[in-house]
Amino acid sequence: MLDFAVFGSLFLTLFVIMDPPGITPIFLGLTSGRPAKVQRRMAWQAVAVAFGVIAVFGVVGQQILDYLHVSIPALMIAGGLLLLLIALDLLTGKNEEPTQTKDVNVALVPLGMPLLAGPGAIVSVILAVQHNNTVTGQISVWAAIVAMHVVLWLVMRFSLVIIRLIKEGGVVLVTRLAGMMLSALAVQQIINGITQVVRGS
């Protein structure tokens, strides 16, 4: 019932794109200063949002993009700009939003989307669904998607242990590091989108 070649290929692709090890410092930076209960809830919310977005685009992604006349490069550039704004806030420490609002925003944006369910992951899933038309292929594709999100949740859930070890000073350092990594990721995503536009013109 499971095509391990399809499963392994998509799982590895999503692992590289969604980067569970790399998400750890970003998650720590975005959730610092919150109670452990809130952080655990945010980890679950972020993964749930990412899975929901990926699932929707897996089922009707190409139709949505065609209907809105949105190209993949445009999606990449928009996602990169959004990530860059978040990265600048992390780098400058401008995250003085009300706690309740900040909780919701961080779980949905940028963690759920576009950091986890970004253009790269969305495109990979759309292509995988289109290229595997058999029942076994579809089961393998969706199994890989579910497995990847379980890994993401585990990584974020247990990264909370790191917060208790590194204390407040370490959290500030991790926050700045996360901002730097996220800004580089955002700029690279914008460059990739512009490159595709130039190649397609």
N, C-alpha and C. Protein backbone atom coordinates (compact mmCIF):
# COMPACT_ATOMS: atom_id res chain seq x y z
N MET A 1 0.82 -1.22 0.00
CA MET A 1 0.00 0.00 0.00
C MET A 1 0.85 1.27 0.00
N LEU A 2 2.14 1.13 0.34
CA LEU A 2 3.01 2.31 0.42
C LEU A 2 4.18 2.16 -0.54
N ASP A 3 4.32 3.14 -1.42
CA ASP A 3 5.45 3.17 -2.34
C ASP A 3 6.59 3.91 -1.64
N PHE A 4 7.58 3.16 -1.14
CA PHE A 4 8.63 3.77 -0.33
C PHE A 4 9.52 4.71 -1.15
N ALA A 5 9.60 4.48 -2.46
CA ALA A 5 10.39 5.39 -3.30
C ALA A 5 9.73 6.77 -3.33
N VAL A 6 8.42 6.78 -3.54
CA VAL A 6 7.67 8.05 -3.57
C VAL A 6 7.69 8.69 -2.19
N PHE A 7 7.42 7.88 -1.16
CA PHE A 7 7.41 8.38 0.22
C PHE A 7 8.75 8.99 0.58
N GLY A 8 9.84 8.24 0.33
CA GLY A 8 11.17 8.71 0.69
C GLY A 8 11.57 9.96 -0.07
N SER A 9 11.24 10.00 -1.35
CA SER A 9 11.61 11.14 -2.19
C SER A 9 10.95 12.42 -1.70
N LEU A 10 9.64 12.36 -1.47
CA LEU A 10 8.93 13.56 -1.03
C LEU A 10 9.32 13.94 0.40
N PHE A 11 9.48 12.94 1.28
CA PHE A 11 9.84 13.23 2.66
C PHE A 11 11.20 13.94 2.72
N LEU A 12 12.17 13.44 1.97
CA LEU A 12 13.50 14.06 1.98
C LEU A 12 13.45 15.46 1.38
N THR A 13 12.65 15.62 0.32
CA THR A 13 12.51 16.94 -0.30
C THR A 13 11.94 17.93 0.70
N LEU A 14 10.85 17.54 1.38
CA LEU A 14 10.23 18.42 2.36
C LEU A 14 11.15 18.66 3.56
N PHE A 15 11.93 17.63 3.92
CA PHE A 15 12.85 17.79 5.05
C PHE A 15 13.89 18.87 4.74
N VAL A 16 14.41 18.84 3.54
CA VAL A 16 15.41 19.84 3.14
C VAL A 16 14.79 21.23 3.07
N ILE A 17 13.58 21.32 2.48
CA ILE A 17 12.94 22.62 2.30
C ILE A 17 12.45 23.20 3.62
N MET A 18 11.76 22.37 4.43
CA MET A 18 11.16 22.86 5.68
C MET A 18 12.18 22.91 6.81
N ASP A 19 13.27 22.13 6.69
CA ASP A 19 14.45 22.23 7.54
C ASP A 19 14.13 22.21 9.05
N PRO A 20 13.70 21.06 9.59
CA PRO A 20 13.41 20.98 11.03
C PRO A 20 14.55 21.42 11.94
N PRO A 21 15.83 21.03 11.69
CA PRO A 21 16.90 21.52 12.57
C PRO A 21 17.05 23.04 12.52
N GLY A 22 16.88 23.60 11.33
CA GLY A 22 17.03 25.05 11.18
C GLY A 22 15.89 25.84 11.78
N ILE A 23 14.73 25.20 11.93
CA ILE A 23 13.57 25.91 12.49
C ILE A 23 13.71 26.11 13.98
N THR A 24 14.58 25.32 14.64
CA THR A 24 14.69 25.36 16.09
C THR A 24 15.07 26.75 16.63
N PRO A 25 16.18 27.36 16.16
CA PRO A 25 16.52 28.69 16.70
C PRO A 25 15.48 29.75 16.36
N ILE A 26 14.84 29.63 15.20
CA ILE A 26 13.81 30.59 14.82
C ILE A 26 12.60 30.45 15.74
N PHE A 27 12.20 29.21 16.00
CA PHE A 27 11.07 28.96 16.91
C PHE A 27 11.39 29.48 18.31
N LEU A 28 12.61 29.23 18.77
CA LEU A 28 13.02 29.70 20.10
C LEU A 28 13.01 31.22 20.16
N GLY A 29 13.48 31.86 19.09
CA GLY A 29 13.51 33.31 19.06
C GLY A 29 12.12 33.92 19.06
N LEU A 30 11.21 33.32 18.30
CA LEU A 30 9.86 33.87 18.18
C LEU A 30 9.00 33.60 19.41
N THR A 31 9.31 32.56 20.17
CA THR A 31 8.46 32.18 21.31
C THR A 31 9.09 32.51 22.65
N SER A 32 10.24 33.17 22.66
CA SER A 32 10.92 33.46 23.92
C SER A 32 10.05 34.36 24.81
N GLY A 33 10.14 34.13 26.12
CA GLY A 33 9.42 34.95 27.07
C GLY A 33 8.00 34.52 27.34
N ARG A 34 7.55 33.50 26.68
CA ARG A 34 6.19 33.01 26.89
C ARG A 34 6.19 31.80 27.82
N PRO A 35 5.09 31.57 28.52
CA PRO A 35 5.00 30.37 29.37
C PRO A 35 5.12 29.10 28.54
N ALA A 36 5.63 28.03 29.16
CA ALA A 36 5.84 26.76 28.45
C ALA A 36 4.54 26.25 27.83
N LYS A 37 3.42 26.44 28.53
CA LYS A 37 2.13 25.98 28.02
C LYS A 37 1.78 26.69 26.72
N VAL A 38 2.04 27.99 26.68
CA VAL A 38 1.75 28.78 25.47
C VAL A 38 2.68 28.36 24.34
N GLN A 39 3.95 28.12 24.67
CA GLN A 39 4.91 27.69 23.65
C GLN A 39 4.51 26.35 23.04
N ARG A 40 4.07 25.42 23.88
CA ARG A 40 3.63 24.12 23.37
C ARG A 40 2.43 24.28 22.46
N ARG A 41 1.51 25.17 22.86
CA ARG A 41 0.33 25.41 22.03
C ARG A 41 0.72 26.03 20.69
N MET A 42 1.69 26.94 20.72
CA MET A 42 2.13 27.58 19.49
C MET A 42 2.79 26.59 18.55
N ALA A 43 3.56 25.64 19.11
CA ALA A 43 4.19 24.60 18.28
C ALA A 43 3.12 23.79 17.57
N TRP A 44 2.08 23.41 18.32
CA TRP A 44 0.98 22.63 17.72
C TRP A 44 0.24 23.46 16.68
N GLN A 45 -0.05 24.73 17.00
CA GLN A 45 -0.77 25.60 16.07
C GLN A 45 0.00 25.79 14.77
N ALA A 46 1.31 26.03 14.89
CA ALA A 46 2.14 26.27 13.71
C ALA A 46 2.12 25.06 12.78
N VAL A 47 2.27 23.87 13.36
CA VAL A 47 2.27 22.65 12.55
C VAL A 47 0.89 22.41 11.95
N ALA A 48 -0.17 22.68 12.71
CA ALA A 48 -1.53 22.50 12.21
C ALA A 48 -1.81 23.44 11.03
N VAL A 49 -1.37 24.69 11.17
CA VAL A 49 -1.57 25.67 10.09
C VAL A 49 -0.78 25.25 8.85
N ALA A 50 0.48 24.85 9.07
CA ALA A 50 1.32 24.43 7.94
C ALA A 50 0.70 23.23 7.23
N PHE A 51 0.22 22.25 7.99
CA PHE A 51 -0.39 21.07 7.38
C PHE A 51 -1.66 21.45 6.63
N GLY A 52 -2.46 22.34 7.23
CA GLY A 52 -3.69 22.77 6.55
C GLY A 52 -3.41 23.44 5.22
N VAL A 53 -2.41 24.34 5.21
CA VAL A 53 -2.05 25.04 3.97
C VAL A 53 -1.52 24.05 2.93
N ILE A 54 -0.62 23.17 3.36
CA ILE A 54 -0.05 22.17 2.45
C ILE A 54 -1.13 21.27 1.90
N ALA A 55 -2.07 20.85 2.76
CA ALA A 55 -3.14 19.95 2.33
C ALA A 55 -4.04 20.62 1.29
N VAL A 56 -4.39 21.87 1.54
CA VAL A 56 -5.25 22.60 0.60
C VAL A 56 -4.57 22.73 -0.76
N PHE A 57 -3.29 23.12 -0.75
CA PHE A 57 -2.58 23.28 -2.01
C PHE A 57 -2.29 21.93 -2.66
N GLY A 58 -2.18 20.87 -1.86
CA GLY A 58 -2.01 19.55 -2.44
C GLY A 58 -3.23 19.10 -3.20
N VAL A 59 -4.40 19.50 -2.72
CA VAL A 59 -5.66 19.07 -3.35
C VAL A 59 -6.03 19.99 -4.51
N VAL A 60 -6.01 21.31 -4.29
CA VAL A 60 -6.48 22.25 -5.32
C VAL A 60 -5.48 23.38 -5.57
N GLY A 61 -4.21 23.13 -5.30
CA GLY A 61 -3.21 24.20 -5.39
C GLY A 61 -3.07 24.82 -6.76
N GLN A 62 -2.93 23.97 -7.77
CA GLN A 62 -2.74 24.49 -9.12
C GLN A 62 -3.94 25.28 -9.59
N GLN A 63 -5.14 24.80 -9.23
CA GLN A 63 -6.37 25.50 -9.61
C GLN A 63 -6.45 26.87 -8.94
N ILE A 64 -6.02 26.95 -7.66
CA ILE A 64 -6.04 28.23 -6.95
C ILE A 64 -5.10 29.22 -7.61
N LEU A 65 -3.88 28.79 -7.90
CA LEU A 65 -2.89 29.68 -8.53
C LEU A 65 -3.36 30.12 -9.91
N ASP A 66 -3.92 29.18 -10.69
CA ASP A 66 -4.42 29.53 -12.03
C ASP A 66 -5.57 30.52 -11.95
N TYR A 67 -6.48 30.30 -11.01
CA TYR A 67 -7.65 31.18 -10.86
C TYR A 67 -7.24 32.59 -10.49
N LEU A 68 -6.24 32.72 -9.60
CA LEU A 68 -5.78 34.03 -9.15
C LEU A 68 -4.74 34.64 -10.08
N HIS A 69 -4.34 33.87 -11.11
CA HIS A 69 -3.31 34.30 -12.05
C HIS A 69 -2.01 34.65 -11.30
N VAL A 70 -1.67 33.81 -10.33
CA VAL A 70 -0.45 33.99 -9.53
C VAL A 70 0.57 32.95 -9.98
N SER A 71 1.76 33.43 -10.30
CA SER A 71 2.83 32.52 -10.70
C SER A 71 3.61 32.05 -9.48
N ILE A 72 4.34 30.96 -9.63
CA ILE A 72 5.17 30.44 -8.55
C ILE A 72 6.24 31.46 -8.13
N PRO A 73 6.93 32.13 -9.09
CA PRO A 73 7.91 33.16 -8.68
C PRO A 73 7.29 34.28 -7.85
N ALA A 74 6.07 34.70 -8.21
CA ALA A 74 5.40 35.76 -7.44
C ALA A 74 5.13 35.29 -6.01
N LEU A 75 4.74 34.03 -5.88
CA LEU A 75 4.50 33.45 -4.56
C LEU A 75 5.79 33.43 -3.74
N MET A 76 6.90 33.10 -4.38
CA MET A 76 8.19 33.05 -3.70
C MET A 76 8.64 34.44 -3.24
N ILE A 77 8.48 35.44 -4.11
CA ILE A 77 8.90 36.80 -3.77
C ILE A 77 8.05 37.35 -2.62
N ALA A 78 6.74 37.13 -2.68
CA ALA A 78 5.85 37.60 -1.61
C ALA A 78 6.19 36.95 -0.28
N GLY A 79 6.44 35.66 -0.31
CA GLY A 79 6.82 34.94 0.91
C GLY A 79 8.14 35.44 1.47
N GLY A 80 9.09 35.73 0.58
CA GLY A 80 10.39 36.25 1.00
C GLY A 80 10.27 37.61 1.66
N LEU A 81 9.46 38.49 1.10
CA LEU A 81 9.26 39.82 1.68
C LEU A 81 8.63 39.73 3.07
N LEU A 82 7.66 38.82 3.21
CA LEU A 82 7.01 38.64 4.50
C LEU A 82 8.00 38.14 5.55
N LEU A 83 8.82 37.17 5.17
CA LEU A 83 9.84 36.65 6.08
C LEU A 83 10.85 37.73 6.46
N LEU A 84 11.18 38.59 5.51
CA LEU A 84 12.17 39.65 5.76
C LEU A 84 11.66 40.63 6.81
N LEU A 85 10.38 40.95 6.76
CA LEU A 85 9.80 41.84 7.76
C LEU A 85 9.90 41.24 9.17
N ILE A 86 9.58 39.94 9.27
CA ILE A 86 9.67 39.26 10.56
C ILE A 86 11.13 39.21 11.04
N ALA A 87 12.05 38.94 10.11
CA ALA A 87 13.47 38.86 10.46
C ALA A 87 13.98 40.19 11.00
N LEU A 88 13.56 41.29 10.40
CA LEU A 88 13.99 42.61 10.87
C LEU A 88 13.50 42.88 12.29
N ASP A 89 12.28 42.43 12.61
CA ASP A 89 11.77 42.58 13.96
C ASP A 89 12.61 41.78 14.96
N LEU A 90 13.00 40.57 14.56
CA LEU A 90 13.83 39.75 15.45
C LEU A 90 15.21 40.38 15.66
N LEU A 91 15.78 40.93 14.61
CA LEU A 91 17.12 41.52 14.70
C LEU A 91 17.14 42.79 15.54
N THR A 92 16.09 43.57 15.47
CA THR A 92 16.05 44.84 16.18
C THR A 92 15.34 44.74 17.53
N GLY A 93 14.73 43.58 17.80
CA GLY A 93 14.04 43.39 19.07
C GLY A 93 12.70 44.10 19.15
N LYS A 94 12.15 44.50 18.00
CA LYS A 94 10.85 45.18 17.99
C LYS A 94 9.73 44.16 17.96
N ASN A 95 9.47 43.57 19.11
CA ASN A 95 8.38 42.60 19.19
C ASN A 95 7.53 42.88 20.42
N GLU A 96 7.17 44.15 20.57
CA GLU A 96 6.42 44.56 21.75
C GLU A 96 4.92 44.56 21.51
N GLU A 97 4.42 43.60 20.78
CA GLU A 97 2.99 43.51 20.54
C GLU A 97 2.31 42.97 21.78
N PRO A 98 0.98 43.18 21.96
CA PRO A 98 0.27 42.54 23.05
C PRO A 98 0.41 41.03 22.96
N THR A 99 0.57 40.40 24.11
CA THR A 99 0.89 38.98 24.15
C THR A 99 -0.13 38.13 23.39
N GLN A 100 -1.41 38.41 23.60
CA GLN A 100 -2.43 37.57 22.99
C GLN A 100 -2.35 37.65 21.46
N THR A 101 -2.23 38.88 20.95
CA THR A 101 -2.12 39.05 19.50
C THR A 101 -0.86 38.42 18.97
N LYS A 102 0.23 38.61 19.72
CA LYS A 102 1.52 38.09 19.27
C LYS A 102 1.49 36.57 19.20
N ASP A 103 0.83 35.93 20.16
CA ASP A 103 0.74 34.48 20.15
C ASP A 103 0.11 33.98 18.86
N VAL A 104 -1.02 34.58 18.51
CA VAL A 104 -1.74 34.15 17.32
C VAL A 104 -0.91 34.42 16.07
N ASN A 105 -0.32 35.61 15.98
CA ASN A 105 0.44 35.99 14.79
C ASN A 105 1.64 35.08 14.57
N VAL A 106 2.36 34.77 15.64
CA VAL A 106 3.56 33.96 15.49
C VAL A 106 3.21 32.54 15.08
N ALA A 107 2.15 32.00 15.60
CA ALA A 107 1.75 30.63 15.24
C ALA A 107 1.31 30.56 13.78
N LEU A 108 0.58 31.59 13.34
CA LEU A 108 0.08 31.60 11.96
C LEU A 108 1.13 32.13 11.00
N VAL A 109 1.70 33.29 11.33
CA VAL A 109 2.70 33.96 10.50
C VAL A 109 3.82 34.43 11.42
N PRO A 110 5.06 34.08 11.25
CA PRO A 110 5.59 33.38 10.07
C PRO A 110 5.77 31.87 10.23
N LEU A 111 5.50 31.33 11.44
CA LEU A 111 5.80 29.91 11.65
C LEU A 111 5.00 29.00 10.73
N GLY A 112 3.66 29.09 10.82
CA GLY A 112 2.84 28.21 9.99
C GLY A 112 3.04 28.46 8.51
N MET A 113 2.97 29.73 8.15
CA MET A 113 3.18 30.15 6.76
C MET A 113 3.76 31.56 6.78
N PRO A 114 4.82 31.85 6.04
CA PRO A 114 5.43 31.03 4.99
C PRO A 114 6.68 30.25 5.41
N LEU A 115 6.99 30.22 6.73
CA LEU A 115 8.23 29.57 7.14
C LEU A 115 8.17 28.06 6.94
N LEU A 116 7.11 27.43 7.42
CA LEU A 116 6.97 25.98 7.24
C LEU A 116 6.29 25.67 5.90
N ALA A 117 5.09 26.19 5.72
CA ALA A 117 4.38 25.98 4.46
C ALA A 117 4.72 27.11 3.49
N GLY A 118 5.97 27.13 3.06
CA GLY A 118 6.42 28.16 2.14
C GLY A 118 6.24 27.75 0.69
N PRO A 119 6.62 28.64 -0.23
CA PRO A 119 6.46 28.34 -1.66
C PRO A 119 7.15 27.05 -2.09
N GLY A 120 8.35 26.78 -1.56
CA GLY A 120 9.06 25.57 -1.95
C GLY A 120 8.31 24.31 -1.58
N ALA A 121 7.81 24.26 -0.35
CA ALA A 121 7.04 23.10 0.11
C ALA A 121 5.74 22.97 -0.67
N ILE A 122 5.08 24.09 -0.90
CA ILE A 122 3.80 24.07 -1.64
C ILE A 122 3.99 23.53 -3.05
N VAL A 123 5.00 24.04 -3.75
CA VAL A 123 5.26 23.60 -5.12
C VAL A 123 5.62 22.12 -5.15
N SER A 124 6.45 21.67 -4.21
CA SER A 124 6.84 20.25 -4.16
C SER A 124 5.64 19.35 -3.98
N VAL A 125 4.73 19.75 -3.12
CA VAL A 125 3.53 18.94 -2.87
C VAL A 125 2.61 18.93 -4.08
N ILE A 126 2.43 20.10 -4.70
CA ILE A 126 1.58 20.17 -5.90
C ILE A 126 2.10 19.23 -6.97
N LEU A 127 3.40 19.27 -7.22
CA LEU A 127 4.01 18.42 -8.25
C LEU A 127 3.92 16.94 -7.87
N ALA A 128 4.15 16.62 -6.60
CA ALA A 128 4.09 15.22 -6.16
C ALA A 128 2.69 14.65 -6.33
N VAL A 129 1.68 15.43 -5.99
CA VAL A 129 0.29 14.99 -6.14
C VAL A 129 -0.05 14.78 -7.62
N GLN A 130 0.41 15.69 -8.47
CA GLN A 130 0.12 15.59 -9.90
C GLN A 130 0.82 14.41 -10.55
N HIS A 131 2.04 14.09 -10.11
CA HIS A 131 2.85 13.05 -10.76
C HIS A 131 2.56 11.64 -10.27
N ASN A 132 1.81 11.50 -9.18
CA ASN A 132 1.51 10.18 -8.63
C ASN A 132 0.00 9.97 -8.63
N ASN A 133 -0.49 9.41 -9.75
CA ASN A 133 -1.94 9.30 -9.94
C ASN A 133 -2.55 8.03 -9.37
N THR A 134 -1.73 7.05 -9.03
CA THR A 134 -2.27 5.78 -8.52
C THR A 134 -2.66 5.93 -7.04
N VAL A 135 -3.47 4.99 -6.57
CA VAL A 135 -3.89 5.00 -5.17
C VAL A 135 -2.68 4.86 -4.25
N THR A 136 -1.78 3.93 -4.60
CA THR A 136 -0.57 3.73 -3.80
C THR A 136 0.29 4.99 -3.79
N GLY A 137 0.40 5.63 -4.94
CA GLY A 137 1.19 6.86 -5.03
C GLY A 137 0.61 7.97 -4.18
N GLN A 138 -0.72 8.13 -4.22
CA GLN A 138 -1.38 9.17 -3.43
C GLN A 138 -1.22 8.91 -1.93
N ILE A 139 -1.38 7.65 -1.53
CA ILE A 139 -1.21 7.28 -0.12
C ILE A 139 0.22 7.59 0.33
N SER A 140 1.18 7.28 -0.52
CA SER A 140 2.59 7.52 -0.19
C SER A 140 2.88 9.00 -0.06
N VAL A 141 2.31 9.81 -0.95
CA VAL A 141 2.50 11.26 -0.91
C VAL A 141 1.96 11.84 0.39
N TRP A 142 0.73 11.47 0.72
CA TRP A 142 0.11 12.04 1.92
C TRP A 142 0.73 11.50 3.20
N ALA A 143 1.21 10.25 3.16
CA ALA A 143 1.93 9.70 4.31
C ALA A 143 3.21 10.47 4.57
N ALA A 144 3.92 10.84 3.49
CA ALA A 144 5.15 11.63 3.62
C ALA A 144 4.85 13.01 4.20
N ILE A 145 3.76 13.61 3.76
CA ILE A 145 3.38 14.94 4.26
C ILE A 145 3.07 14.87 5.76
N VAL A 146 2.28 13.86 6.16
CA VAL A 146 1.94 13.70 7.58
C VAL A 146 3.19 13.43 8.41
N ALA A 147 4.05 12.54 7.93
CA ALA A 147 5.29 12.20 8.66
C ALA A 147 6.17 13.43 8.85
N MET A 148 6.26 14.27 7.82
CA MET A 148 7.10 15.46 7.91
C MET A 148 6.57 16.42 8.97
N HIS A 149 5.25 16.57 9.06
CA HIS A 149 4.69 17.47 10.04
C HIS A 149 4.80 16.92 11.46
N VAL A 150 4.78 15.61 11.61
CA VAL A 150 5.03 15.01 12.92
C VAL A 150 6.45 15.32 13.37
N VAL A 151 7.41 15.20 12.46
CA VAL A 151 8.81 15.52 12.77
C VAL A 151 8.94 16.99 13.17
N LEU A 152 8.28 17.88 12.44
CA LEU A 152 8.34 19.31 12.75
C LEU A 152 7.80 19.59 14.15
N TRP A 153 6.68 18.95 14.49
CA TRP A 153 6.10 19.16 15.81
C TRP A 153 7.03 18.67 16.90
N LEU A 154 7.62 17.50 16.70
CA LEU A 154 8.53 16.95 17.71
C LEU A 154 9.74 17.86 17.92
N VAL A 155 10.29 18.39 16.82
CA VAL A 155 11.45 19.26 16.91
C VAL A 155 11.12 20.53 17.70
N MET A 156 9.99 21.17 17.37
CA MET A 156 9.62 22.40 18.07
C MET A 156 9.21 22.11 19.51
N ARG A 157 8.51 21.01 19.71
CA ARG A 157 8.05 20.66 21.07
C ARG A 157 9.23 20.46 22.01
N PHE A 158 10.24 19.73 21.58
CA PHE A 158 11.36 19.44 22.47
C PHE A 158 12.45 20.50 22.43
N SER A 159 12.33 21.46 21.52
CA SER A 159 13.28 22.58 21.54
C SER A 159 13.03 23.48 22.74
N LEU A 160 11.84 23.34 23.36
CA LEU A 160 11.52 24.14 24.54
C LEU A 160 12.46 23.80 25.70
N VAL A 161 13.01 22.60 25.70
CA VAL A 161 13.98 22.21 26.74
C VAL A 161 15.21 23.10 26.66
N ILE A 162 15.56 23.49 25.42
CA ILE A 162 16.74 24.34 25.22
C ILE A 162 16.55 25.70 25.89
N ILE A 163 15.32 26.22 25.85
CA ILE A 163 15.04 27.52 26.45
C ILE A 163 15.37 27.50 27.94
N ARG A 164 14.99 26.41 28.60
CA ARG A 164 15.23 26.31 30.04
C ARG A 164 16.72 26.20 30.36
N LEU A 165 17.50 25.73 29.41
CA LEU A 165 18.94 25.55 29.63
C LEU A 165 19.75 26.81 29.37
N ILE A 166 19.34 27.58 28.36
CA ILE A 166 20.17 28.72 27.95
C ILE A 166 19.82 30.02 28.67
N LYS A 167 18.70 30.05 29.40
CA LYS A 167 18.30 31.21 30.20
C LYS A 167 18.05 32.45 29.32
N GLU A 168 17.82 33.59 29.98
CA GLU A 168 17.38 34.80 29.27
C GLU A 168 18.44 35.33 28.31
N GLY A 169 19.70 35.38 28.76
CA GLY A 169 20.76 35.89 27.90
C GLY A 169 20.92 35.06 26.65
N GLY A 170 20.83 33.76 26.80
CA GLY A 170 20.93 32.86 25.66
C GLY A 170 19.78 33.03 24.70
N VAL A 171 18.60 33.30 25.25
CA VAL A 171 17.42 33.49 24.40
C VAL A 171 17.59 34.73 23.52
N VAL A 172 18.15 35.81 24.09
CA VAL A 172 18.40 37.03 23.30
C VAL A 172 19.37 36.73 22.16
N LEU A 173 20.42 35.98 22.49
CA LEU A 173 21.40 35.60 21.46
C LEU A 173 20.75 34.77 20.37
N VAL A 174 19.95 33.78 20.76
CA VAL A 174 19.26 32.92 19.80
C VAL A 174 18.30 33.73 18.94
N THR A 175 17.63 34.72 19.56
CA THR A 175 16.69 35.57 18.82
C THR A 175 17.40 36.34 17.71
N ARG A 176 18.56 36.91 18.04
CA ARG A 176 19.32 37.65 17.03
C ARG A 176 19.83 36.70 15.93
N LEU A 177 20.29 35.52 16.35
CA LEU A 177 20.75 34.53 15.38
C LEU A 177 19.61 34.11 14.46
N ALA A 178 18.44 33.91 15.05
CA ALA A 178 17.26 33.53 14.26
C ALA A 178 16.92 34.63 13.25
N GLY A 179 17.02 35.89 13.69
CA GLY A 179 16.74 37.00 12.78
C GLY A 179 17.70 37.04 11.62
N MET A 180 18.97 36.79 11.90
CA MET A 180 19.98 36.79 10.84
C MET A 180 19.73 35.65 9.85
N MET A 181 19.46 34.44 10.39
CA MET A 181 19.19 33.29 9.52
C MET A 181 17.94 33.51 8.68
N LEU A 182 16.91 34.05 9.33
CA LEU A 182 15.64 34.25 8.64
C LEU A 182 15.77 35.32 7.56
N SER A 183 16.56 36.38 7.83
CA SER A 183 16.75 37.42 6.81
C SER A 183 17.48 36.86 5.60
N ALA A 184 18.50 36.02 5.85
CA ALA A 184 19.23 35.40 4.73
C ALA A 184 18.31 34.48 3.93
N LEU A 185 17.48 33.71 4.64
CA LEU A 185 16.52 32.83 3.97
C LEU A 185 15.53 33.63 3.13
N ALA A 186 15.08 34.76 3.68
CA ALA A 186 14.11 35.61 2.98
C ALA A 186 14.71 36.20 1.71
N VAL A 187 15.94 36.72 1.83
CA VAL A 187 16.61 37.32 0.67
C VAL A 187 16.85 36.26 -0.41
N GLN A 188 17.28 35.06 0.01
CA GLN A 188 17.51 33.99 -0.96
C GLN A 188 16.22 33.61 -1.68
N GLN A 189 15.11 33.60 -0.94
CA GLN A 189 13.82 33.26 -1.55
C GLN A 189 13.41 34.32 -2.57
N ILE A 190 13.65 35.59 -2.24
CA ILE A 190 13.35 36.68 -3.18
C ILE A 190 14.22 36.56 -4.43
N ILE A 191 15.51 36.28 -4.23
CA ILE A 191 16.43 36.11 -5.36
C ILE A 191 15.98 34.97 -6.26
N ASN A 192 15.59 33.84 -5.65
CA ASN A 192 15.12 32.69 -6.44
C ASN A 192 13.88 33.05 -7.26
N GLY A 193 12.98 33.81 -6.65
CA GLY A 193 11.77 34.22 -7.37
C GLY A 193 12.09 35.13 -8.54
N ILE A 194 12.98 36.11 -8.30
CA ILE A 194 13.36 37.04 -9.37
C ILE A 194 14.10 36.30 -10.48
N THR A 195 14.97 35.34 -10.10
CA THR A 195 15.70 34.55 -11.09
C THR A 195 14.74 33.80 -12.00
N GLN A 196 13.70 33.20 -11.42
CA GLN A 196 12.72 32.47 -12.23
C GLN A 196 11.96 33.40 -13.15
N VAL A 197 11.67 34.62 -12.67
CA VAL A 197 10.97 35.60 -13.53
C VAL A 197 11.85 35.96 -14.71
N VAL A 198 13.15 36.20 -14.46
CA VAL A 198 14.08 36.58 -15.54
C VAL A 198 14.23 35.45 -16.55
N ARG A 199 14.34 34.21 -16.05
CA ARG A 199 14.48 33.06 -16.94
C ARG A 199 13.24 32.83 -17.78
N GLY A 200 12.08 33.14 -17.20
CA GLY A 200 10.83 32.91 -17.92
C GLY A 200 10.48 33.99 -18.91
N SER A 201 11.16 35.15 -18.80
CA SER A 201 10.84 36.27 -19.70
C SER A 201 11.63 36.19 -21.00
